[in-house]
Amino acid sequence: MNFSQIVDKYTKQEIKKLNLIEVKADDIKGFSSVIIDAKTNPKQEQFNIKKVLYYIEVINISEVSAEEICKTISENKGTNKLPKLPKVNFDNAKIKGNNILYVGKSFGNFRYRLKQHIGNESQKTYALHLKEWEKFFKKEVKLKLHFISLEKYLSDNEDNLLEMFESAMHLELKPLLVRTGH
C-alpha cells in the first residue's frame, strides 16, 4: 500500500477534513483551537486526548518576526543548555508570512505533551518550554494551538500513520521550529 492509498483509507470520516495531502493552514478543518501561553492549564478536559496531531501558530507575527523567533531560540539553545529547545529552521523563517511555529504529534495523553511545551516538566525533554520565553523575548509572542485527536480512527498498530500525517503537515506548513528528522 503506498502513502496515497493509506491516506485514502483513513480519509472517509474526520481525517478527510484535514485534507492531509494538500494541507494549508487556512484550509484545515476539524481542528480545535485555543490560545496558549506559559499559564495555560494542560489539565483542561479538552487536552485529555490521545493520538493527536497539532500545530502552533504565532498570531502576532507582525510584532515578532519569524526571523527574530528563530534567532532568539537559536541563541538560547546549545549542546549542554537547558531547557532543550527544538531545532530552528531559518529557511522556513524566510518564507513571507510564515507564522507556523511548530508541528507535532502525541501518541499518549496530549496533556502530558502540552505540559512539556509549557515547561511544567523536565527541561531535558525537547519542547517549547514557554515558561522560559519571558526571559528570551523582549516582546510577547502570542500563540494559538490547533489540535485534533485521531484516536477513534487509528488502531494501536497504526501509530505509524500519525507519524506520516505529521510529516505531511511539516512539509506543507513549514514550521519555524522542528524536530530532528523533519
Foldseek 3Di string as FASTA:
>chain_A
DDPVVVQVVQLPPLSVQQVLQQGDPVRRPDWDKDWDFLPDQLVPPVQQAFFKKKWKFFPPCVVQALQNVLVLVVVQADDPGWQAEFHFDVVLSPPPPQGTAEIDTGHHRRSVLVCVQSQVDDSPDYHVVRVCVVVRDPDDGIMMMIMHHCPVRADPVRSVVSVVSSVSCCVNSVHRGYHPPD
